[in-house]
PDB file of N, CA and C in Angstrom:
ATOM      1  N   ALA A   1       6.316   2.717   4.861  1.00  0.00           N
ATOM      2  CA  ALA A   1       6.422   4.121   4.535  1.00  0.00           C
ATOM      3  C   ALA A   1       5.731   4.983   5.596  1.00  0.00           C
ATOM      4  N   PHE A   2       4.552   4.553   6.063  1.00  0.00           N
ATOM      5  CA  PHE A   2       3.837   5.360   7.054  1.00  0.00           C
ATOM      6  C   PHE A   2       4.502   5.321   8.422  1.00  0.00           C
ATOM      7  N   MET A   3       5.223   4.243   8.722  1.00  0.00           N
ATOM      8  CA  MET A   3       5.868   4.146  10.031  1.00  0.00           C
ATOM      9  C   MET A   3       7.142   4.972  10.096  1.00  0.00           C
ATOM     10  N   THR A   4       7.903   5.002   9.009  1.00  0.00           N
ATOM     11  CA  THR A   4       9.216   5.656   9.038  1.00  0.00           C
ATOM     12  C   THR A   4       9.297   6.926   8.207  1.00  0.00           C
ATOM     13  N   GLY A   5       8.403   7.062   7.253  1.00  0.00           N
ATOM     14  CA  GLY A   5       8.498   8.185   6.321  1.00  0.00           C
ATOM     15  C   GLY A   5       9.438   7.902   5.166  1.00  0.00           C
ATOM     16  N   ASN A   6      10.115   6.757   5.188  1.00  0.00           N
ATOM     17  CA  ASN A   6      11.045   6.388   4.124  1.00  0.00           C
ATOM     18  C   ASN A   6      10.267   5.711   2.997  1.00  0.00           C
ATOM     19  N   THR A   7      10.197   6.364   1.866  1.00  0.00           N
ATOM     20  CA  THR A   7       9.417   5.854   0.734  1.00  0.00           C
ATOM     21  C   THR A   7      10.303   5.311  -0.391  1.00  0.00           C
ATOM     22  N   THR A   8      11.596   5.201  -0.157  1.00  0.00           N
ATOM     23  CA  THR A   8      12.544   4.808  -1.198  1.00  0.00           C
ATOM     24  C   THR A   8      12.174   3.489  -1.867  1.00  0.00           C
ATOM     25  N   GLU A   9      11.927   2.449  -1.087  1.00  0.00           N
ATOM     26  CA  GLU A   9      11.625   1.132  -1.658  1.00  0.00           C
ATOM     27  C   GLU A   9      10.301   1.145  -2.412  1.00  0.00           C
ATOM     28  N   LEU A  10       9.303   1.813  -1.866  1.00  0.00           N
ATOM     29  CA  LEU A  10       8.008   1.902  -2.545  1.00  0.00           C
ATOM     30  C   LEU A  10       8.149   2.633  -3.877  1.00  0.00           C
ATOM     31  N   GLU A  11       8.941   3.686  -3.894  1.00  0.00           N
ATOM     32  CA  GLU A  11       9.175   4.428  -5.137  1.00  0.00           C
ATOM     33  C   GLU A  11       9.860   3.552  -6.184  1.00  0.00           C
ATOM     34  N   LYS A  12      10.820   2.729  -5.756  1.00  0.00           N
ATOM     35  CA  LYS A  12      11.566   1.876  -6.690  1.00  0.00           C
ATOM     36  C   LYS A  12      10.691   0.821  -7.350  1.00  0.00           C
ATOM     37  N   MET A  13       9.648   0.363  -6.663  1.00  0.00           N
ATOM     38  CA  MET A  13       8.814  -0.709  -7.218  1.00  0.00           C
ATOM     39  C   MET A  13       7.513  -0.199  -7.831  1.00  0.00           C
ATOM     40  N   SER A  14       7.302   1.120  -7.842  1.00  0.00           N
ATOM     41  CA  SER A  14       6.059   1.699  -8.339  1.00  0.00           C
ATOM     42  C   SER A  14       6.265   2.408  -9.667  1.00  0.00           C
ATOM     43  N   GLU A  15       5.378   2.119 -10.612  1.00  0.00           N
ATOM     44  CA  GLU A  15       5.389   2.865 -11.861  1.00  0.00           C
ATOM     45  C   GLU A  15       4.732   4.223 -11.629  1.00  0.00           C
ATOM     46  N   ASP A  16       5.089   5.190 -12.455  1.00  0.00           N
ATOM     47  CA  ASP A  16       4.523   6.532 -12.324  1.00  0.00           C
ATOM     48  C   ASP A  16       3.008   6.537 -12.435  1.00  0.00           C
ATOM     49  N   ARG A  17       2.443   5.591 -13.182  1.00  0.00           N
ATOM     50  CA  ARG A  17       0.993   5.573 -13.395  1.00  0.00           C
ATOM     51  C   ARG A  17       0.206   5.034 -12.204  1.00  0.00           C
ATOM     52  N   CYS A  18       0.879   4.504 -11.182  1.00  0.00           N
ATOM     53  CA  CYS A  18       0.190   3.939 -10.020  1.00  0.00           C
ATOM     54  C   CYS A  18      -0.278   5.061  -9.092  1.00  0.00           C
ATOM     55  N   LYS A  19      -1.538   5.427  -9.216  1.00  0.00           N
ATOM     56  CA  LYS A  19      -2.100   6.512  -8.402  1.00  0.00           C
ATOM     57  C   LYS A  19      -2.121   6.145  -6.922  1.00  0.00           C
ATOM     58  N   PHE A  20      -2.454   4.903  -6.595  1.00  0.00           N
ATOM     59  CA  PHE A  20      -2.468   4.439  -5.210  1.00  0.00           C
ATOM     60  C   PHE A  20      -1.073   4.562  -4.603  1.00  0.00           C
ATOM     61  N   CYS A  21      -0.064   4.110  -5.348  1.00  0.00           N
ATOM     62  CA  CYS A  21       1.323   4.175  -4.866  1.00  0.00           C
ATOM     63  C   CYS A  21       1.743   5.619  -4.619  1.00  0.00           C
ATOM     64  N   GLN A  22       1.473   6.486  -5.586  1.00  0.00           N
ATOM     65  CA  GLN A  22       1.874   7.884  -5.458  1.00  0.00           C
ATOM     66  C   GLN A  22       1.161   8.561  -4.295  1.00  0.00           C
ATOM     67  N   SER A  23      -0.110   8.241  -4.108  1.00  0.00           N
ATOM     68  CA  SER A  23      -0.866   8.794  -2.986  1.00  0.00           C
ATOM     69  C   SER A  23      -0.266   8.343  -1.654  1.00  0.00           C
ATOM     70  N   THR A  24       0.101   7.066  -1.560  1.00  0.00           N
ATOM     71  CA  THR A  24       0.723   6.543  -0.342  1.00  0.00           C
ATOM     72  C   THR A  24       2.058   7.226  -0.077  1.00  0.00           C
ATOM     73  N   ILE A  25       2.860   7.393  -1.104  1.00  0.00           N
ATOM     74  CA  ILE A  25       4.153   8.073  -0.974  1.00  0.00           C
ATOM     75  C   ILE A  25       3.950   9.509  -0.503  1.00  0.00           C
ATOM     76  N   ASN A  26       3.066  10.230  -1.155  1.00  0.00           N
ATOM     77  CA  ASN A  26       2.820  11.637  -0.797  1.00  0.00           C
ATOM     78  C   ASN A  26       2.258  11.775   0.609  1.00  0.00           C
ATOM     79  N   ASP A  27       1.271  10.943   0.961  1.00  0.00           N
ATOM     80  CA  ASP A  27       0.666  11.021   2.292  1.00  0.00           C
ATOM     81  C   ASP A  27       1.680  10.702   3.381  1.00  0.00           C
ATOM     82  N   SER A  28       2.505   9.697   3.153  1.00  0.00           N
ATOM     83  CA  SER A  28       3.516   9.316   4.132  1.00  0.00           C
ATOM     84  C   SER A  28       4.519  10.446   4.358  1.00  0.00           C
ATOM     85  N   ARG A  29       4.995  11.006   3.272  1.00  0.00           N
ATOM     86  CA  ARG A  29       5.945  12.130   3.384  1.00  0.00           C
ATOM     87  C   ARG A  29       5.322  13.297   4.150  1.00  0.00           C
ATOM     88  N   GLU A  30       4.092  13.640   3.791  1.00  0.00           N
ATOM     89  CA  GLU A  30       3.421  14.785   4.418  1.00  0.00           C
ATOM     90  C   GLU A  30       3.228  14.565   5.915  1.00  0.00           C
ATOM     91  N   ILE A  31       2.796  13.369   6.297  1.00  0.00           N
ATOM     92  CA  ILE A  31       2.595  13.064   7.715  1.00  0.00           C
ATOM     93  C   ILE A  31       3.894  13.256   8.489  1.00  0.00           C
ATOM     94  N   HIS A  32       4.987  12.710   7.972  1.00  0.00           N
ATOM     95  CA  HIS A  32       6.265  12.786   8.683  1.00  0.00           C
ATOM     96  C   HIS A  32       6.861  14.190   8.652  1.00  0.00           C
ATOM     97  N   GLN A  33       6.682  14.920   7.569  1.00  0.00           N
ATOM     98  CA  GLN A  33       7.187  16.294   7.501  1.00  0.00           C
ATOM     99  C   GLN A  33       6.495  17.192   8.523  1.00  0.00           C
ATOM    100  N   LYS A  34       5.263  16.859   8.866  1.00  0.00           N
ATOM    101  CA  LYS A  34       4.509  17.651   9.844  1.00  0.00           C
ATOM    102  C   LYS A  34       4.674  17.122  11.267  1.00  0.00           C
ATOM    103  N   GLY A  35       5.548  16.125  11.446  1.00  0.00           N
ATOM    104  CA  GLY A  35       5.820  15.599  12.781  1.00  0.00           C
ATOM    105  C   GLY A  35       4.923  14.452  13.201  1.00  0.00           C
ATOM    106  N   GLY A  36       4.152  13.903  12.292  1.00  0.00           N
ATOM    107  CA  GLY A  36       3.266  12.789  12.611  1.00  0.00           C
ATOM    108  C   GLY A  36       3.950  11.453  12.428  1.00  0.00           C
ATOM    109  N   TRP A  37       3.240  10.395  12.768  1.00  0.00           N
ATOM    110  CA  TRP A  37       3.770   9.046  12.649  1.00  0.00           C
ATOM    111  C   TRP A  37       2.629   8.036  12.720  1.00  0.00           C
ATOM    112  N   THR A  38       2.950   6.793  12.393  1.00  0.00           N
ATOM    113  CA  THR A  38       2.017   5.676  12.529  1.00  0.00           C
ATOM    114  C   THR A  38       2.760   4.527  13.191  1.00  0.00           C
ATOM    115  N   ASN A  39       2.142   3.924  14.211  1.00  0.00           N
ATOM    116  CA  ASN A  39       2.744   2.755  14.852  1.00  0.00           C
ATOM    117  C   ASN A  39       2.758   1.576  13.898  1.00  0.00           C
ATOM    118  N   LYS A  40       3.702   0.677  14.097  1.00  0.00           N
ATOM    119  CA  LYS A  40       3.737  -0.571  13.330  1.00  0.00           C
ATOM    120  C   LYS A  40       2.472  -1.360  13.654  1.00  0.00           C
ATOM    121  N   TRP A  41       1.892  -1.983  12.621  1.00  0.00           N
ATOM    122  CA  TRP A  41       0.724  -2.822  12.841  1.00  0.00           C
ATOM    123  C   TRP A  41       0.964  -4.192  12.228  1.00  0.00           C
ATOM    124  N   ASP A  42       0.285  -5.180  12.798  1.00  0.00           N
ATOM    125  CA  ASP A  42       0.410  -6.543  12.283  1.00  0.00           C
ATOM    126  C   ASP A  42      -0.282  -6.648  10.935  1.00  0.00           C
ATOM    127  N   GLN A  43       0.349  -7.369  10.020  1.00  0.00           N
ATOM    128  CA  GLN A  43      -0.228  -7.640   8.712  1.00  0.00           C
ATOM    129  C   GLN A  43      -0.012  -9.116   8.418  1.00  0.00           C
ATOM    130  N   GLU A  44      -1.084  -9.793   8.052  1.00  0.00           N
ATOM    131  CA  GLU A  44      -0.997 -11.209   7.729  1.00  0.00           C
ATOM    132  C   GLU A  44      -1.629 -11.433   6.360  1.00  0.00           C
ATOM    133  N   ILE A  45      -0.836 -11.912   5.423  1.00  0.00           N
ATOM    134  CA  ILE A  45      -1.373 -12.266   4.109  1.00  0.00           C
ATOM    135  C   ILE A  45      -1.978 -13.657   4.245  1.00  0.00           C
ATOM    136  N   VAL A  46      -3.293 -13.745   4.021  1.00  0.00           N
ATOM    137  CA  VAL A  46      -3.980 -15.023   4.217  1.00  0.00           C
ATOM    138  C   VAL A  46      -4.241 -15.763   2.912  1.00  0.00           C
ATOM    139  N   ASP A  47      -4.156 -15.071   1.773  1.00  0.00           N
ATOM    140  CA  ASP A  47      -4.344 -15.743   0.491  1.00  0.00           C
ATOM    141  C   ASP A  47      -3.834 -14.854  -0.635  1.00  0.00           C
ATOM    142  N   THR A  48      -3.321 -15.483  -1.683  1.00  0.00           N
ATOM    143  CA  THR A  48      -2.932 -14.763  -2.898  1.00  0.00           C
ATOM    144  C   THR A  48      -3.372 -15.578  -4.109  1.00  0.00           C
ATOM    145  N   THR A  49      -3.752 -14.869  -5.153  1.00  0.00           N
ATOM    146  CA  THR A  49      -4.095 -15.502  -6.421  1.00  0.00           C
ATOM    147  C   THR A  49      -3.426 -14.709  -7.526  1.00  0.00           C
ATOM    148  N   TYR A  50      -2.698 -15.414  -8.387  1.00  0.00           N
ATOM    149  CA  TYR A  50      -1.995 -14.782  -9.500  1.00  0.00           C
ATOM    150  C   TYR A  50      -2.767 -15.060 -10.784  1.00  0.00           C
ATOM    151  N   TYR A  51      -2.985 -14.022 -11.571  1.00  0.00           N
ATOM    152  CA  TYR A  51      -3.670 -14.149 -12.852  1.00  0.00           C
ATOM    153  C   TYR A  51      -2.711 -13.740 -13.961  1.00  0.00           C
ATOM    154  N   GLU A  52      -2.615 -14.551 -15.000  1.00  0.00           N
ATOM    155  CA  GLU A  52      -1.807 -14.187 -16.166  1.00  0.00           C
ATOM    156  C   GLU A  52      -2.372 -12.910 -16.772  1.00  0.00           C
ATOM    157  N   LYS A  53      -1.629 -12.330 -17.693  1.00  0.00           N
ATOM    158  CA  LYS A  53      -2.097 -11.102 -18.341  1.00  0.00           C
ATOM    159  C   LYS A  53      -3.532 -11.267 -18.810  1.00  0.00           C
ATOM    160  N   LEU A  54      -4.336 -10.306 -18.434  1.00  0.00           N
ATOM    161  CA  LEU A  54      -5.734 -10.315 -18.832  1.00  0.00           C
ATOM    162  C   LEU A  54      -5.860  -9.703 -20.217  1.00  0.00           C
ATOM    163  N   GLU A  55      -6.763 -10.228 -21.003  1.00  0.00           N
ATOM    164  CA  GLU A  55      -6.940  -9.733 -22.367  1.00  0.00           C
ATOM    165  C   GLU A  55      -7.239  -8.234 -22.351  1.00  0.00           C
ATOM    166  N   GLY A  56      -6.508  -7.504 -23.180  1.00  0.00           N
ATOM    167  CA  GLY A  56      -6.699  -6.064 -23.275  1.00  0.00           C
ATOM    168  C   GLY A  56      -5.886  -5.247 -22.285  1.00  0.00           C
ATOM    169  N   TYR A  57      -5.113  -5.907 -21.428  1.00  0.00           N
ATOM    170  CA  TYR A  57      -4.302  -5.202 -20.431  1.00  0.00           C
ATOM    171  C   TYR A  57      -2.834  -5.548 -20.636  1.00  0.00           C
ATOM    172  N   ASP A  58      -1.958  -4.657 -20.202  1.00  0.00           N
ATOM    173  CA  ASP A  58      -0.526  -4.913 -20.350  1.00  0.00           C
ATOM    174  C   ASP A  58       0.122  -5.301 -19.022  1.00  0.00           C
ATOM    175  N   TYR A  59      -0.679  -5.805 -18.095  1.00  0.00           N
ATOM    176  CA  TYR A  59      -0.136  -6.220 -16.810  1.00  0.00           C
ATOM    177  C   TYR A  59      -0.841  -7.479 -16.312  1.00  0.00           C
ATOM    178  N   ASN A  60      -0.239  -8.095 -15.304  1.00  0.00           N
ATOM    179  CA  ASN A  60      -0.807  -9.261 -14.644  1.00  0.00           C
ATOM    180  C   ASN A  60      -1.527  -8.782 -13.391  1.00  0.00           C
ATOM    181  N   LYS A  61      -2.401  -9.616 -12.864  1.00  0.00           N
ATOM    182  CA  LYS A  61      -3.142  -9.264 -11.649  1.00  0.00           C
ATOM    183  C   LYS A  61      -2.737 -10.206 -10.527  1.00  0.00           C
ATOM    184  N   ILE A  62      -2.545  -9.636  -9.349  1.00  0.00           N
ATOM    185  CA  ILE A  62      -2.348 -10.427  -8.140  1.00  0.00           C
ATOM    186  C   ILE A  62      -3.402  -9.973  -7.139  1.00  0.00           C
ATOM    187  N   LYS A  63      -4.242 -10.908  -6.723  1.00  0.00           N
ATOM    188  CA  LYS A  63      -5.257 -10.628  -5.703  1.00  0.00           C
ATOM    189  C   LYS A  63      -4.688 -11.086  -4.369  1.00  0.00           C
ATOM    190  N   VAL A  64      -4.636 -10.176  -3.395  1.00  0.00           N
ATOM    191  CA  VAL A  64      -4.066 -10.468  -2.083  1.00  0.00           C
ATOM    192  C   VAL A  64      -5.134 -10.208  -1.027  1.00  0.00           C
ATOM    193  N   ILE A  65      -5.309 -11.158  -0.117  1.00  0.00           N
ATOM    194  CA  ILE A  65      -6.236 -10.969   1.000  1.00  0.00           C
ATOM    195  C   ILE A  65      -5.398 -10.833   2.263  1.00  0.00           C
ATOM    196  N   VAL A  66      -5.628  -9.722   2.983  1.00  0.00           N
ATOM    197  CA  VAL A  66      -4.787  -9.354   4.118  1.00  0.00           C
ATOM    198  C   VAL A  66      -5.641  -9.118   5.360  1.00  0.00           C
ATOM    199  N   ASN A  67      -5.128  -9.538   6.512  1.00  0.00           N
ATOM    200  CA  ASN A  67      -5.689  -9.157   7.806  1.00  0.00           C
ATOM    201  C   ASN A  67      -4.748  -8.126   8.419  1.00  0.00           C
ATOM    202  N   TYR A  68      -5.311  -7.010   8.868  1.00  0.00           N
ATOM    203  CA  TYR A  68      -4.531  -5.943   9.496  1.00  0.00           C
ATOM    204  C   TYR A  68      -4.883  -5.856  10.972  1.00  0.00           C
ATOM    205  N   GLY A  69      -3.870  -5.659  11.804  1.00  0.00           N
ATOM    206  CA  GLY A  69      -4.113  -5.422  13.215  1.00  0.00           C
ATOM    207  C   GLY A  69      -4.445  -3.960  13.464  1.00  0.00           C
ATOM    208  N   ALA A  70      -4.873  -3.662  14.673  1.00  0.00           N
ATOM    209  CA  ALA A  70      -5.170  -2.280  15.058  1.00  0.00           C
ATOM    210  C   ALA A  70      -3.886  -1.460  15.050  1.00  0.00           C
ATOM    211  N   THR A  71      -4.024  -0.163  14.859  1.00  0.00           N
ATOM    212  CA  THR A  71      -2.860   0.721  14.881  1.00  0.00           C
ATOM    213  C   THR A  71      -3.240   2.075  15.464  1.00  0.00           C
ATOM    214  N   THR A  72      -2.229   2.809  15.843  1.00  0.00           N
ATOM    215  CA  THR A  72      -2.403   4.177  16.326  1.00  0.00           C
ATOM    216  C   THR A  72      -1.535   5.078  15.477  1.00  0.00           C
ATOM    217  N   SER A  73      -2.072   6.223  15.115  1.00  0.00           N
ATOM    218  CA  SER A  73      -1.293   7.198  14.350  1.00  0.00           C
ATOM    219  C   SER A  73      -1.485   8.570  14.966  1.00  0.00           C
ATOM    220  N   CYS A  74      -0.568   9.443  14.626  1.00  0.00           N
ATOM    221  CA  CYS A  74      -0.579  10.786  15.177  1.00  0.00           C
ATOM    222  C   CYS A  74      -0.326  11.769  14.048  1.00  0.00           C
ATOM    223  N   SER A  75      -1.203  12.729  13.912  1.00  0.00           N
ATOM    224  CA  SER A  75      -1.029  13.738  12.871  1.00  0.00           C
ATOM    225  C   SER A  75      -0.295  14.942  13.434  1.00  0.00           C
ATOM    226  N   GLU A  76       0.175  15.771  12.580  1.00  0.00           N
ATOM    227  CA  GLU A  76       0.846  17.039  12.886  1.00  0.00           C
ATOM    228  C   GLU A  76       1.345  17.194  14.321  1.00  0.00           C
ATOM    229  N   ALA A  77       2.531  16.713  14.559  1.00  0.00           N
ATOM    230  CA  ALA A  77       3.215  16.866  15.850  1.00  0.00           C
ATOM    231  C   ALA A  77       2.354  16.372  17.011  1.00  0.00           C
ATOM    232  N   CYS A  78       1.635  15.304  16.774  1.00  0.00           N
ATOM    233  CA  CYS A  78       0.807  14.653  17.794  1.00  0.00           C
ATOM    234  C   CYS A  78      -0.292  15.538  18.363  1.00  0.00           C
ATOM    235  N   SER A  79      -0.856  16.372  17.536  1.00  0.00           N
ATOM    236  CA  SER A  79      -1.975  17.189  17.995  1.00  0.00           C
ATOM    237  C   SER A  79      -3.250  16.364  18.108  1.00  0.00           C
ATOM    238  N   HIS A  80      -3.269  15.192  17.458  1.00  0.00           N
ATOM    239  CA  HIS A  80      -4.473  14.359  17.487  1.00  0.00           C
ATOM    240  C   HIS A  80      -4.099  12.892  17.270  1.00  0.00           C
ATOM    241  N   LEU A  81      -4.347  12.054  18.276  1.00  0.00           N
ATOM    242  CA  LEU A  81      -4.110  10.612  18.144  1.00  0.00           C
ATOM    243  C   LEU A  81      -5.332   9.944  17.528  1.00  0.00           C
ATOM    244  N   GLN A  82      -5.089   9.013  16.615  1.00  0.00           N
ATOM    245  CA  GLN A  82      -6.172   8.265  15.989  1.00  0.00           C
ATOM    246  C   GLN A  82      -5.880   6.781  16.126  1.00  0.00           C
ATOM    247  N   SER A  83      -6.907   6.011  16.418  1.00  0.00           N
ATOM    248  CA  SER A  83      -6.772   4.559  16.478  1.00  0.00           C
ATOM    249  C   SER A  83      -7.650   3.948  15.404  1.00  0.00           C
ATOM    250  N   SER A  84      -7.181   2.845  14.850  1.00  0.00           N
ATOM    251  CA  SER A  84      -7.998   2.128  13.873  1.00  0.00           C
ATOM    252  C   SER A  84      -8.240   0.716  14.377  1.00  0.00           C
ATOM    253  N   ASP A  85      -9.392   0.183  14.056  1.00  0.00           N
ATOM    254  CA  ASP A  85      -9.744  -1.181  14.430  1.00  0.00           C
ATOM    255  C   ASP A  85      -9.060  -2.164  13.484  1.00  0.00           C
ATOM    256  N   PRO A  86      -8.906  -3.397  13.924  1.00  0.00           N
ATOM    257  CA  PRO A  86      -8.368  -4.417  13.021  1.00  0.00           C
ATOM    258  C   PRO A  86      -9.288  -4.601  11.809  1.00  0.00           C
ATOM    259  N   ILE A  87      -8.704  -5.024  10.707  1.00  0.00           N
ATOM    260  CA  ILE A  87      -9.458  -5.300   9.485  1.00  0.00           C
ATOM    261  C   ILE A  87      -9.169  -6.746   9.095  1.00  0.00           C
ATOM    262  N   THR A  88     -10.212  -7.500   8.866  1.00  0.00           N
ATOM    263  CA  THR A  88     -10.074  -8.900   8.471  1.00  0.00           C
ATOM    264  C   THR A  88     -10.551  -9.074   7.036  1.00  0.00           C
ATOM    265  N   GLY A  89      -9.738  -9.722   6.226  1.00  0.00           N
ATOM    266  CA  GLY A  89     -10.149 -10.068   4.870  1.00  0.00           C
ATOM    267  C   GLY A  89     -10.136  -8.933   3.869  1.00  0.00           C
ATOM    268  N   GLN A  90      -9.246  -7.952   4.044  1.00  0.00           N
ATOM    269  CA  GLN A  90      -9.150  -6.850   3.073  1.00  0.00           C
ATOM    270  C   GLN A  90      -8.562  -7.385   1.771  1.00  0.00           C
ATOM    271  N   VAL A  91      -9.257  -7.144   0.672  1.00  0.00           N
ATOM    272  CA  VAL A  91      -8.791  -7.586  -0.636  1.00  0.00           C
ATOM    273  C   VAL A  91      -8.087  -6.428  -1.334  1.00  0.00           C
ATOM    274  N   LEU A  92      -6.869  -6.681  -1.789  1.00  0.00           N
ATOM    275  CA  LEU A  92      -6.104  -5.719  -2.576  1.00  0.00           C
ATOM    276  C   LEU A  92      -5.798  -6.364  -3.921  1.00  0.00           C
ATOM    277  N   ASN A  93      -6.131  -5.676  -4.993  1.00  0.00           N
ATOM    278  CA  ASN A  93      -5.827  -6.149  -6.341  1.00  0.00           C
ATOM    279  C   ASN A  93      -4.662  -5.331  -6.883  1.00  0.00           C
ATOM    280  N   PHE A  94      -3.575  -6.015  -7.216  1.00  0.00           N
ATOM    281  CA  PHE A  94      -2.378  -5.369  -7.739  1.00  0.00           C
ATOM    282  C   PHE A  94      -2.279  -5.614  -9.238  1.00  0.00           C
ATOM    283  N   GLY A  95      -2.019  -4.571  -9.990  1.00  0.00           N
ATOM    284  CA  GLY A  95      -1.669  -4.694 -11.400  1.00  0.00           C
ATOM    285  C   GLY A  95      -0.157  -4.602 -11.494  1.00  0.00           C
ATOM    286  N   VAL A  96       0.490  -5.689 -11.913  1.00  0.00           N
ATOM    287  CA  VAL A  96       1.956  -5.730 -11.948  1.00  0.00           C
ATOM    288  C   VAL A  96       2.427  -6.183 -13.321  1.00  0.00           C
ATOM    289  N   ARG A  97       3.643  -5.777 -13.664  1.00  0.00           N
ATOM    290  CA  ARG A  97       4.248  -6.283 -14.898  1.00  0.00           C
ATOM    291  C   ARG A  97       5.756  -6.367 -14.726  1.00  0.00           C
ATOM    292  N   TYR A  98       6.339  -7.269 -15.479  1.00  0.00           N
ATOM    293  CA  TYR A  98       7.773  -7.516 -15.422  1.00  0.00           C
ATOM    294  C   TYR A  98       8.435  -6.646 -16.479  1.00  0.00           C
ATOM    295  N   THR A  99       9.230  -5.685 -16.029  1.00  0.00           N
ATOM    296  CA  THR A  99       9.858  -4.718 -16.919  1.00  0.00           C
ATOM    297  C   THR A  99      11.313  -4.532 -16.522  1.00  0.00           C
ATOM    298  N   ASN A 100      12.202  -4.587 -17.496  1.00  0.00           N
ATOM    299  CA  ASN A 100      13.631  -4.350 -17.253  1.00  0.00           C
ATOM    300  C   ASN A 100      14.186  -5.205 -16.114  1.00  0.00           C
ATOM    301  N   GLY A 101      13.780  -6.467 -16.071  1.00  0.00           N
ATOM    302  CA  GLY A 101      14.327  -7.399 -15.097  1.00  0.00           C
ATOM    303  C   GLY A 101      13.734  -7.339 -13.706  1.00  0.00           C
ATOM    304  N   LYS A 102      12.622  -6.622 -13.523  1.00  0.00           N
ATOM    305  CA  LYS A 102      12.003  -6.582 -12.195  1.00  0.00           C
ATOM    306  C   LYS A 102      10.493  -6.376 -12.316  1.00  0.00           C
ATOM    307  N   TRP A 103       9.787  -6.801 -11.270  1.00  0.00           N
ATOM    308  CA  TRP A 103       8.347  -6.606 -11.203  1.00  0.00           C
ATOM    309  C   TRP A 103       8.052  -5.192 -10.720  1.00  0.00           C
ATOM    310  N   MET A 104       7.133  -4.536 -11.398  1.00  0.00           N
ATOM    311  CA  MET A 104       6.739  -3.169 -11.052  1.00  0.00           C
ATOM    312  C   MET A 104       5.235  -3.130 -10.787  1.00  0.00           C
ATOM    313  N   ILE A 105       4.831  -2.277  -9.843  1.00  0.00           N
ATOM    314  CA  ILE A 105       3.412  -2.094  -9.529  1.00  0.00           C
ATOM    315  C   ILE A 105       2.880  -0.950 -10.377  1.00  0.00           C
ATOM    316  N   GLY A 106       1.855  -1.236 -11.164  1.00  0.00           N
ATOM    317  CA  GLY A 106       1.248  -0.214 -12.014  1.00  0.00           C
ATOM    318  C   GLY A 106      -0.079   0.280 -11.484  1.00  0.00           C
ATOM    319  N   ALA A 107      -0.695  -0.500 -10.589  1.00  0.00           N
ATOM    320  CA  ALA A 107      -1.986  -0.111 -10.021  1.00  0.00           C
ATOM    321  C   ALA A 107      -2.259  -0.943  -8.777  1.00  0.00           C
ATOM    322  N   VAL A 108      -2.992  -0.348  -7.843  1.00  0.00           N
ATOM    323  CA  VAL A 108      -3.480  -1.063  -6.668  1.00  0.00           C
ATOM    324  C   VAL A 108      -4.926  -0.634  -6.475  1.00  0.00           C
ATOM    325  N   GLU A 109      -5.791  -1.616  -6.281  1.00  0.00           N
ATOM    326  CA  GLU A 109      -7.204  -1.318  -6.062  1.00  0.00           C
ATOM    327  C   GLU A 109      -7.685  -2.074  -4.827  1.00  0.00           C
ATOM    328  N   PRO A 110      -7.926  -1.355  -3.717  1.00  0.00           N
ATOM    329  CA  PRO A 110      -8.521  -2.021  -2.554  1.00  0.00           C
ATOM    330  C   PRO A 110     -10.013  -2.231  -2.826  1.00  0.00           C
ATOM    331  N   GLU A 111     -10.509  -3.428  -2.548  1.00  0.00           N
ATOM    332  CA  GLU A 111     -11.944  -3.669  -2.697  1.00  0.00           C
ATOM    333  C   GLU A 111     -12.657  -3.141  -1.464  1.00  0.00           C
ATOM    334  N   VAL A 112     -13.741  -2.426  -1.693  1.00  0.00           N
ATOM    335  CA  VAL A 112     -14.535  -1.867  -0.603  1.00  0.00           C
ATOM    336  C   VAL A 112     -15.573  -2.898  -0.189  1.00  0.00           C
ATOM    337  N   LYS A 113     -15.637  -3.155   1.110  1.00  0.00           N
ATOM    338  CA  LYS A 113     -16.607  -4.146   1.622  1.00  0.00           C
ATOM    339  C   LYS A 113     -17.980  -3.528   1.740  1.00  0.00           C
TER     340      LYS A 113
END
């Protein structure tokens, strides 16, 4: 979404209650509408753990550990270039559930190191 501004697929797999998803969709659209962009960056999933529905919740949990490569982005018509360093071992916790024949994302929580 951040590379192309196309949020169609992310919207299709995100429930309305997913604040992380909606924020990503909105931020991506805004960046591209203002003439900005983000370069493609390497992403490597190094581990995943699936948890059955947790007691008291209506979704399953998937813990994903990701390594991200460095990237460059440009805000508002390239008025300011930004570079980010690689990130190793970023943990993302996804709340997902199977609804109407497909898996939907209801929440995403990045763990802060």
